Amino acid sequence: MSDKVLYEVVDGVGVITLNRPEVHNAMDDEAAHLYKEALDRALEDDAVRAVLLQGAGKSFCSGRDTTMLGHRAKDESDYHFVLRHQQKRLAVLDSPKPFIAALKGAVIGGGCETALACDIRVSDTTLKMALPEIHYGILPDTGGTQLMTALIGPSRTKYIVMTGDRIDAQTALEWGAVDFVVAPEELDAKALEIAKKIAAKPPIALAMAKTMVDQAHAGAVRNGIAQELLAQTALFKTEDYAEARAALREKRQPVYKGK
């Protein structure tokens, strides 16, 4: 049994730990599958009232393992590849159970989108958050453009998405991308404390509270995620995406042609 993703229940909190610290918890196909299994366990377990997502080592999650860019298991189409990952994100958004993310170090790409889908984000001071897909000729495709906009507004989201730049913990807090910032040695305890506090509340009331607050942007977010699916499927076929992958392999700067 692989230990790339760990799962335990602590006082009503389902704790999911991404456990590839040697690569900043980058997600390969196996880790993504194991994360989906842990997510399903937490969602289906009546003893779990809230879910805490965290990462082992120095980072939360650095996104898709770059050694697997363009890889599709079992000849899966680009469309179905993106859709499958979007379904994991929608499972978190649609879950009646509150999700808390404990963020540190690299919170990049799909790792950032995983965090954005949570209801509360606790960060430590080492945070580096980014949506860097523009560097590869593509865009966020599991809610990044929509969820970030709902949190920090369109202009700042455009800056993050169009530049691919990383923001630090203080900027993320000031902009509203995270809710709390603590010292690294305090992160685990603070995130678990919040998760336990929420898990102790009446579950039906929690579910309704999450649903009511999310109604402010739920329709727009889901429509936008559907558009991300179409946009990303098209971008995967561009020459610029192929050039970005080639440049990464060859350790050189890409030359984009707008094709």
C-alpha atoms as a PDB file:
ATOM      1  CA  MET A   1       0.000   0.000   0.000  1.00  0.00           C
ATOM      2  CA  SER A   2       1.430   3.373  -1.032  1.00  0.00           C
ATOM      3  CA  ASP A   3       1.761   6.055   1.636  1.00  0.00           C
ATOM      4  CA  LYS A   4       1.687   9.015  -0.774  1.00  0.00           C
ATOM      5  CA  VAL A   5      -1.539  10.162   0.897  1.00  0.00           C
ATOM      6  CA  LEU A   6      -2.347   9.541   4.583  1.00  0.00           C
ATOM      7  CA  TYR A   7      -5.745   9.530   6.264  1.00  0.00           C
ATOM      8  CA  GLU A   8      -6.905   9.527   9.874  1.00  0.00           C
ATOM      9  CA  VAL A   9      -9.845  10.741  11.948  1.00  0.00           C
ATOM     10  CA  VAL A  10      -9.121  12.984  14.948  1.00  0.00           C
ATOM     11  CA  ASP A  11     -12.031  14.111  17.138  1.00  0.00           C
ATOM     12  CA  GLY A  12     -14.495  14.248  14.275  1.00  0.00           C
ATOM     13  CA  VAL A  13     -11.992  15.712  11.800  1.00  0.00           C
ATOM     14  CA  GLY A  14     -10.959  13.712   8.754  1.00  0.00           C
ATOM     15  CA  VAL A  15      -7.292  14.585   8.277  1.00  0.00           C
ATOM     16  CA  ILE A  16      -5.911  14.071   4.763  1.00  0.00           C
ATOM     17  CA  THR A  17      -2.142  14.477   4.483  1.00  0.00           C
ATOM     18  CA  LEU A  18      -0.359  14.703   1.134  1.00  0.00           C
ATOM     19  CA  ASN A  19       2.825  12.744   1.714  1.00  0.00           C
ATOM     20  CA  ARG A  20       5.432  13.253  -1.007  1.00  0.00           C
ATOM     21  CA  PRO A  21       7.607  15.748   0.883  1.00  0.00           C
ATOM     22  CA  GLU A  22      10.651  15.062  -1.297  1.00  0.00           C
ATOM     23  CA  VAL A  23       8.854  16.730  -4.247  1.00  0.00           C
ATOM     24  CA  HIS A  24       6.849  19.281  -2.231  1.00  0.00           C
ATOM     25  CA  ASN A  25       3.816  16.975  -2.457  1.00  0.00           C
ATOM     26  CA  ALA A  26       3.559  17.248  -6.238  1.00  0.00           C
ATOM     27  CA  MET A  27       0.739  15.067  -7.522  1.00  0.00           C
ATOM     28  CA  ASP A  28       1.504  12.197  -9.867  1.00  0.00           C
ATOM     29  CA  ASP A  29      -1.284   9.894 -11.088  1.00  0.00           C
ATOM     30  CA  GLU A  30      -0.990   7.553  -8.098  1.00  0.00           C
ATOM     31  CA  ALA A  31      -1.078  10.371  -5.546  1.00  0.00           C
ATOM     32  CA  ALA A  32      -4.087  11.925  -7.297  1.00  0.00           C
ATOM     33  CA  HIS A  33      -5.911   8.586  -7.164  1.00  0.00           C
ATOM     34  CA  LEU A  34      -5.078   8.096  -3.490  1.00  0.00           C
ATOM     35  CA  TYR A  35      -6.215  11.630  -2.697  1.00  0.00           C
ATOM     36  CA  LYS A  36      -9.560  10.878  -4.363  1.00  0.00           C
ATOM     37  CA  GLU A  37      -9.891   7.698  -2.250  1.00  0.00           C
ATOM     38  CA  ALA A  38      -9.134   9.610   0.967  1.00  0.00           C
ATOM     39  CA  LEU A  39     -11.554  12.353  -0.035  1.00  0.00           C
ATOM     40  CA  ASP A  40     -14.310   9.796  -0.627  1.00  0.00           C
ATOM     41  CA  ARG A  41     -13.642   8.210   2.773  1.00  0.00           C
ATOM     42  CA  ALA A  42     -13.941  11.541   4.534  1.00  0.00           C
ATOM     43  CA  LEU A  43     -17.104  12.502   2.663  1.00  0.00           C
ATOM     44  CA  GLU A  44     -18.816   9.164   3.288  1.00  0.00           C
ATOM     45  CA  ASP A  45     -17.875   8.718   6.974  1.00  0.00           C
ATOM     46  CA  ASP A  46     -20.665   9.970   9.250  1.00  0.00           C
ATOM     47  CA  ALA A  47     -18.129  10.290  12.083  1.00  0.00           C
ATOM     48  CA  VAL A  48     -16.307  12.977  10.099  1.00  0.00           C
ATOM     49  CA  ARG A  49     -17.865  16.425  10.631  1.00  0.00           C
ATOM     50  CA  ALA A  50     -15.078  18.506   9.062  1.00  0.00           C
ATOM     51  CA  VAL A  51     -12.071  17.791   6.847  1.00  0.00           C
ATOM     52  CA  LEU A  52      -8.519  19.096   7.231  1.00  0.00           C
ATOM     53  CA  LEU A  53      -6.153  19.063   4.241  1.00  0.00           C
ATOM     54  CA  GLN A  54      -2.432  19.360   4.936  1.00  0.00           C
ATOM     55  CA  GLY A  55       0.955  18.477   3.484  1.00  0.00           C
ATOM     56  CA  ALA A  56       3.933  16.632   4.933  1.00  0.00           C
ATOM     57  CA  GLY A  57       7.319  18.315   4.933  1.00  0.00           C
ATOM     58  CA  LYS A  58       7.950  21.904   3.879  1.00  0.00           C
ATOM     59  CA  SER A  59       5.028  22.427   1.474  1.00  0.00           C
ATOM     60  CA  PHE A  60       1.303  21.911   1.090  1.00  0.00           C
ATOM     61  CA  CYS A  61       1.295  20.952  -2.595  1.00  0.00           C
ATOM     62  CA  SER A  62       3.310  22.127  -5.594  1.00  0.00           C
ATOM     63  CA  GLY A  63       0.640  20.989  -8.070  1.00  0.00           C
ATOM     64  CA  ARG A  64       0.916  18.503 -10.919  1.00  0.00           C
ATOM     65  CA  ASP A  65       4.247  16.654 -11.005  1.00  0.00           C
ATOM     66  CA  THR A  66       6.020  18.400 -13.906  1.00  0.00           C
ATOM     67  CA  THR A  67       7.561  15.115 -15.028  1.00  0.00           C
ATOM     68  CA  MET A  68       4.028  14.041 -15.960  1.00  0.00           C
ATOM     69  CA  LEU A  69       2.954  17.101 -17.944  1.00  0.00           C
ATOM     70  CA  GLY A  70       0.988  15.900 -20.949  1.00  0.00           C
ATOM     71  CA  HIS A  71       0.779  12.331 -19.641  1.00  0.00           C
ATOM     72  CA  ARG A  72      -2.646  10.724 -19.965  1.00  0.00           C
ATOM     73  CA  ALA A  73      -3.303   7.334 -18.382  1.00  0.00           C
ATOM     74  CA  LYS A  74      -5.016   4.754 -20.600  1.00  0.00           C
ATOM     75  CA  ASP A  75      -5.168   7.142 -23.590  1.00  0.00           C
ATOM     76  CA  GLU A  76      -7.608   9.401 -21.764  1.00  0.00           C
ATOM     77  CA  SER A  77      -8.638  12.485 -23.749  1.00  0.00           C
ATOM     78  CA  ASP A  78      -7.611  15.950 -22.588  1.00  0.00           C
ATOM     79  CA  TYR A  79     -11.280  16.751 -22.029  1.00  0.00           C
ATOM     80  CA  HIS A  80     -11.874  13.757 -19.759  1.00  0.00           C
ATOM     81  CA  PHE A  81      -8.551  14.297 -17.964  1.00  0.00           C
ATOM     82  CA  VAL A  82      -9.529  17.844 -16.965  1.00  0.00           C
ATOM     83  CA  LEU A  83     -13.119  16.846 -16.208  1.00  0.00           C
ATOM     84  CA  ARG A  84     -11.988  14.068 -13.864  1.00  0.00           C
ATOM     85  CA  HIS A  85      -9.860  16.485 -11.847  1.00  0.00           C
ATOM     86  CA  GLN A  86     -12.618  19.082 -11.827  1.00  0.00           C
ATOM     87  CA  GLN A  87     -14.954  16.518 -10.302  1.00  0.00           C
ATOM     88  CA  LYS A  88     -12.641  16.212  -7.284  1.00  0.00           C
ATOM     89  CA  ARG A  89     -12.726  19.961  -6.860  1.00  0.00           C
ATOM     90  CA  LEU A  90     -16.513  20.099  -7.184  1.00  0.00           C
ATOM     91  CA  ALA A  91     -16.839  17.313  -4.594  1.00  0.00           C
ATOM     92  CA  VAL A  92     -15.195  19.631  -2.062  1.00  0.00           C
ATOM     93  CA  LEU A  93     -17.240  22.656  -3.098  1.00  0.00           C
ATOM     94  CA  ASP A  94     -20.519  20.717  -2.999  1.00  0.00           C
ATOM     95  CA  SER A  95     -19.796  18.778   0.192  1.00  0.00           C
ATOM     96  CA  PRO A  96     -21.934  19.728   3.197  1.00  0.00           C
ATOM     97  CA  LYS A  97     -18.818  19.188   5.325  1.00  0.00           C
ATOM     98  CA  PRO A  98     -16.553  22.190   5.930  1.00  0.00           C
ATOM     99  CA  PHE A  99     -12.986  21.928   4.611  1.00  0.00           C
ATOM    100  CA  ILE A 100      -9.991  23.592   6.255  1.00  0.00           C
ATOM    101  CA  ALA A 101      -6.586  23.827   4.551  1.00  0.00           C
ATOM    102  CA  ALA A 102      -3.265  24.112   6.413  1.00  0.00           C
ATOM    103  CA  LEU A 103      -0.936  25.868   3.973  1.00  0.00           C
ATOM    104  CA  LYS A 104       2.841  26.243   3.944  1.00  0.00           C
ATOM    105  CA  GLY A 105       5.674  26.504   1.468  1.00  0.00           C
ATOM    106  CA  ALA A 106       4.658  25.758  -2.102  1.00  0.00           C
ATOM    107  CA  VAL A 107       0.926  26.149  -2.754  1.00  0.00           C
ATOM    108  CA  ILE A 108       1.171  26.060  -6.515  1.00  0.00           C
ATOM    109  CA  GLY A 109      -1.079  25.289  -9.490  1.00  0.00           C
ATOM    110  CA  GLY A 110      -3.439  22.435  -8.681  1.00  0.00           C
ATOM    111  CA  GLY A 111      -2.254  22.641  -5.069  1.00  0.00           C
ATOM    112  CA  CYS A 112      -3.394  26.252  -4.968  1.00  0.00           C
ATOM    113  CA  GLU A 113      -6.748  25.312  -6.512  1.00  0.00           C
ATOM    114  CA  THR A 114      -7.154  22.561  -3.899  1.00  0.00           C
ATOM    115  CA  ALA A 115      -6.646  25.170  -1.187  1.00  0.00           C
ATOM    116  CA  LEU A 116      -8.975  27.701  -2.815  1.00  0.00           C
ATOM    117  CA  ALA A 117     -11.826  25.162  -2.844  1.00  0.00           C
ATOM    118  CA  CYS A 118     -11.637  24.869   0.956  1.00  0.00           C
ATOM    119  CA  ASP A 119     -13.841  26.936   3.238  1.00  0.00           C
ATOM    120  CA  ILE A 120     -11.063  28.253   5.500  1.00  0.00           C
ATOM    121  CA  ARG A 121      -7.334  28.605   4.767  1.00  0.00           C
ATOM    122  CA  VAL A 122      -4.728  28.794   7.535  1.00  0.00           C
ATOM    123  CA  SER A 123      -1.207  29.609   6.375  1.00  0.00           C
ATOM    124  CA  ASP A 124       2.200  29.845   7.931  1.00  0.00           C
ATOM    125  CA  THR A 125       4.751  32.524   7.040  1.00  0.00           C
ATOM    126  CA  THR A 126       6.591  30.328   4.508  1.00  0.00           C
ATOM    127  CA  LEU A 127       3.681  30.337   2.044  1.00  0.00           C
ATOM    128  CA  LYS A 128       4.378  30.894  -1.662  1.00  0.00           C
ATOM    129  CA  MET A 129       1.082  30.792  -3.570  1.00  0.00           C
ATOM    130  CA  ALA A 130       0.806  30.844  -7.360  1.00  0.00           C
ATOM    131  CA  LEU A 131      -1.178  29.820 -10.414  1.00  0.00           C
ATOM    132  CA  PRO A 132       1.772  29.398 -12.819  1.00  0.00           C
ATOM    133  CA  GLU A 133       0.051  27.619 -15.701  1.00  0.00           C
ATOM    134  CA  ILE A 134       0.649  30.596 -18.027  1.00  0.00           C
ATOM    135  CA  HIS A 135       4.335  29.579 -18.083  1.00  0.00           C
ATOM    136  CA  TYR A 136       3.291  26.379 -19.896  1.00  0.00           C
ATOM    137  CA  GLY A 137       0.932  28.012 -22.366  1.00  0.00           C
ATOM    138  CA  ILE A 138      -2.167  26.888 -20.471  1.00  0.00           C
ATOM    139  CA  LEU A 139      -4.444  28.171 -17.670  1.00  0.00           C
ATOM    140  CA  PRO A 140      -5.840  26.980 -14.327  1.00  0.00           C
ATOM    141  CA  ASP A 141      -8.518  24.384 -15.018  1.00  0.00           C
ATOM    142  CA  THR A 142     -10.003  23.184 -11.715  1.00  0.00           C
ATOM    143  CA  GLY A 143     -11.534  26.407 -10.490  1.00  0.00           C
ATOM    144  CA  GLY A 144      -8.490  28.625 -10.021  1.00  0.00           C
ATOM    145  CA  THR A 145      -9.701  31.572 -12.085  1.00  0.00           C
ATOM    146  CA  GLN A 146     -13.156  31.471 -10.505  1.00  0.00           C
ATOM    147  CA  LEU A 147     -12.341  30.706  -6.877  1.00  0.00           C
ATOM    148  CA  MET A 148      -9.473  33.191  -6.707  1.00  0.00           C
ATOM    149  CA  THR A 149     -11.665  35.904  -8.224  1.00  0.00           C
ATOM    150  CA  ALA A 150     -14.359  35.234  -5.612  1.00  0.00           C
ATOM    151  CA  LEU A 151     -11.751  35.723  -2.869  1.00  0.00           C
ATOM    152  CA  ILE A 152      -9.519  38.571  -4.058  1.00  0.00           C
ATOM    153  CA  GLY A 153     -11.339  40.195  -6.980  1.00  0.00           C
ATOM    154  CA  PRO A 154     -10.793  40.217 -10.749  1.00  0.00           C
ATOM    155  CA  SER A 155      -7.814  42.574 -11.096  1.00  0.00           C
ATOM    156  CA  ARG A 156      -5.570  40.791  -8.611  1.00  0.00           C
ATOM    157  CA  THR A 157      -6.619  37.417 -10.010  1.00  0.00           C
ATOM    158  CA  LYS A 158      -5.702  38.592 -13.517  1.00  0.00           C
ATOM    159  CA  TYR A 159      -2.299  39.639 -12.204  1.00  0.00           C
ATOM    160  CA  ILE A 160      -1.701  36.241 -10.597  1.00  0.00           C
ATOM    161  CA  VAL A 161      -2.970  34.267 -13.602  1.00  0.00           C
ATOM    162  CA  MET A 162      -1.356  36.419 -16.324  1.00  0.00           C
ATOM    163  CA  THR A 163       2.089  36.671 -14.696  1.00  0.00           C
ATOM    164  CA  GLY A 164       2.265  33.345 -12.878  1.00  0.00           C
ATOM    165  CA  ASP A 165       4.020  35.233 -10.056  1.00  0.00           C
ATOM    166  CA  ARG A 166       4.055  33.884  -6.519  1.00  0.00           C
ATOM    167  CA  ILE A 167       2.610  35.851  -3.619  1.00  0.00           C
ATOM    168  CA  ASP A 168       3.834  35.508  -0.050  1.00  0.00           C
ATOM    169  CA  ALA A 169       1.825  34.890   3.103  1.00  0.00           C
ATOM    170  CA  GLN A 170       1.399  38.533   4.049  1.00  0.00           C
ATOM    171  CA  THR A 171       0.172  39.476   0.581  1.00  0.00           C
ATOM    172  CA  ALA A 172      -2.168  36.486   0.519  1.00  0.00           C
ATOM    173  CA  LEU A 173      -3.606  37.589   3.872  1.00  0.00           C
ATOM    174  CA  GLU A 174      -3.995  41.227   2.833  1.00  0.00           C
ATOM    175  CA  TRP A 175      -5.663  40.253  -0.439  1.00  0.00           C
ATOM    176  CA  GLY A 176      -7.965  37.670   1.164  1.00  0.00           C
ATOM    177  CA  ALA A 177      -6.540  34.502  -0.356  1.00  0.00           C
ATOM    178  CA  VAL A 178      -5.882  33.115   3.141  1.00  0.00           C
ATOM    179  CA  ASP A 179      -7.689  33.780   6.418  1.00  0.00           C
ATOM    180  CA  PHE A 180      -5.001  33.338   9.093  1.00  0.00           C
ATOM    181  CA  VAL A 181      -1.196  33.499   9.107  1.00  0.00           C
ATOM    182  CA  VAL A 182       0.810  31.941  11.939  1.00  0.00           C
ATOM    183  CA  ALA A 183       4.397  30.936  12.643  1.00  0.00           C
ATOM    184  CA  PRO A 184       5.478  27.618  11.066  1.00  0.00           C
ATOM    185  CA  GLU A 185       5.607  25.847  14.437  1.00  0.00           C
ATOM    186  CA  GLU A 186       1.997  26.892  15.130  1.00  0.00           C
ATOM    187  CA  LEU A 187       0.386  25.872  11.820  1.00  0.00           C
ATOM    188  CA  ASP A 188      -0.637  22.273  12.509  1.00  0.00           C
ATOM    189  CA  ALA A 189      -2.115  23.051  15.920  1.00  0.00           C
ATOM    190  CA  LYS A 190      -3.962  26.158  14.718  1.00  0.00           C
ATOM    191  CA  ALA A 191      -5.518  24.426  11.692  1.00  0.00           C
ATOM    192  CA  LEU A 192      -6.555  21.394  13.722  1.00  0.00           C
ATOM    193  CA  GLU A 193      -7.956  23.642  16.461  1.00  0.00           C
ATOM    194  CA  ILE A 194     -10.202  25.400  13.924  1.00  0.00           C
ATOM    195  CA  ALA A 195     -11.247  22.110  12.332  1.00  0.00           C
ATOM    196  CA  LYS A 196     -12.134  20.594  15.734  1.00  0.00           C
ATOM    197  CA  LYS A 197     -14.067  23.702  16.765  1.00  0.00           C
ATOM    198  CA  ILE A 198     -16.148  23.508  13.588  1.00  0.00           C
ATOM    199  CA  ALA A 199     -16.564  19.721  13.789  1.00  0.00           C
ATOM    200  CA  ALA A 200     -18.120  20.092  17.258  1.00  0.00           C
ATOM    201  CA  LYS A 201     -20.988  22.183  15.898  1.00  0.00           C
ATOM    202  CA  PRO A 202     -24.368  20.738  14.711  1.00  0.00           C
ATOM    203  CA  PRO A 203     -23.683  19.135  11.301  1.00  0.00           C
ATOM    204  CA  ILE A 204     -26.961  20.123   9.645  1.00  0.00           C
ATOM    205  CA  ALA A 205     -26.492  23.744  10.672  1.00  0.00           C
ATOM    206  CA  LEU A 206     -22.900  23.614   9.395  1.00  0.00           C
ATOM    207  CA  ALA A 207     -24.074  22.267   6.049  1.00  0.00           C
ATOM    208  CA  MET A 208     -26.714  24.959   5.719  1.00  0.00           C
ATOM    209  CA  ALA A 209     -24.275  27.696   6.725  1.00  0.00           C
ATOM    210  CA  LYS A 210     -21.799  26.589   4.047  1.00  0.00           C
ATOM    211  CA  THR A 211     -24.554  26.388   1.432  1.00  0.00           C
ATOM    212  CA  MET A 212     -26.015  29.801   2.233  1.00  0.00           C
ATOM    213  CA  VAL A 213     -22.684  31.622   2.186  1.00  0.00           C
ATOM    214  CA  ASP A 214     -21.623  29.905  -1.048  1.00  0.00           C
ATOM    215  CA  GLN A 215     -24.829  30.967  -2.784  1.00  0.00           C
ATOM    216  CA  ALA A 216     -23.311  34.409  -3.259  1.00  0.00           C
ATOM    217  CA  HIS A 217     -21.088  33.055  -6.022  1.00  0.00           C
ATOM    218  CA  ALA A 218     -21.947  29.360  -6.506  1.00  0.00           C
ATOM    219  CA  GLY A 219     -23.595  29.697  -9.910  1.00  0.00           C
ATOM    220  CA  ALA A 220     -20.892  31.920 -11.374  1.00  0.00           C
ATOM    221  CA  VAL A 221     -18.107  29.662 -10.065  1.00  0.00           C
ATOM    222  CA  ARG A 222     -19.633  26.522 -11.580  1.00  0.00           C
ATOM    223  CA  ASN A 223     -20.275  28.219 -14.904  1.00  0.00           C
ATOM    224  CA  GLY A 224     -16.705  29.466 -14.916  1.00  0.00           C
ATOM    225  CA  ILE A 225     -15.296  26.016 -14.133  1.00  0.00           C
ATOM    226  CA  ALA A 226     -17.226  24.645 -17.117  1.00  0.00           C
ATOM    227  CA  GLN A 227     -15.578  27.327 -19.271  1.00  0.00           C
ATOM    228  CA  GLU A 228     -12.162  26.400 -17.840  1.00  0.00           C
ATOM    229  CA  LEU A 229     -12.751  22.865 -19.088  1.00  0.00           C
ATOM    230  CA  LEU A 230     -13.379  24.041 -22.645  1.00  0.00           C
ATOM    231  CA  ALA A 231     -10.526  26.556 -22.641  1.00  0.00           C
ATOM    232  CA  GLN A 232      -7.975  24.106 -21.270  1.00  0.00           C
ATOM    233  CA  THR A 233      -8.980  21.352 -23.691  1.00  0.00           C
ATOM    234  CA  ALA A 234      -8.304  23.779 -26.540  1.00  0.00           C
ATOM    235  CA  LEU A 235      -5.014  25.060 -25.084  1.00  0.00           C
ATOM    236  CA  PHE A 236      -3.609  21.536 -24.750  1.00  0.00           C
ATOM    237  CA  LYS A 237      -3.687  21.356 -28.578  1.00  0.00           C
ATOM    238  CA  THR A 238      -1.730  24.565 -29.204  1.00  0.00           C
ATOM    239  CA  GLU A 239       1.824  24.772 -30.512  1.00  0.00           C
ATOM    240  CA  ASP A 240       2.693  27.043 -27.601  1.00  0.00           C
ATOM    241  CA  TYR A 241       1.859  24.291 -25.090  1.00  0.00           C
ATOM    242  CA  ALA A 242       4.006  21.833 -27.026  1.00  0.00           C
ATOM    243  CA  GLU A 243       6.826  24.402 -27.073  1.00  0.00           C
ATOM    244  CA  ALA A 244       6.524  24.954 -23.303  1.00  0.00           C
ATOM    245  CA  ARG A 245       6.841  21.209 -22.644  1.00  0.00           C
ATOM    246  CA  ALA A 246       9.808  20.921 -25.010  1.00  0.00           C
ATOM    247  CA  ALA A 247      11.550  23.862 -23.351  1.00  0.00           C
ATOM    248  CA  LEU A 248      11.012  22.300 -19.919  1.00  0.00           C
ATOM    249  CA  ARG A 249      12.547  19.009 -21.079  1.00  0.00           C
ATOM    250  CA  GLU A 250      15.454  20.764 -22.788  1.00  0.00           C
ATOM    251  CA  LYS A 251      16.033  23.223 -19.922  1.00  0.00           C
ATOM    252  CA  ARG A 252      15.743  26.334 -22.093  1.00  0.00           C
ATOM    253  CA  GLN A 253      13.500  29.362 -22.438  1.00  0.00           C
ATOM    254  CA  PRO A 254      10.389  28.740 -24.565  1.00  0.00           C
ATOM    255  CA  VAL A 255       9.732  30.730 -27.732  1.00  0.00           C
ATOM    256  CA  TYR A 256       6.017  31.297 -28.129  1.00  0.00           C
ATOM    257  CA  LYS A 257       4.385  31.981 -31.504  1.00  0.00           C
ATOM    258  CA  GLY A 258       0.764  32.484 -30.544  1.00  0.00           C
ATOM    259  CA  LYS A 259      -0.284  29.337 -32.364  1.00  0.00           C
END
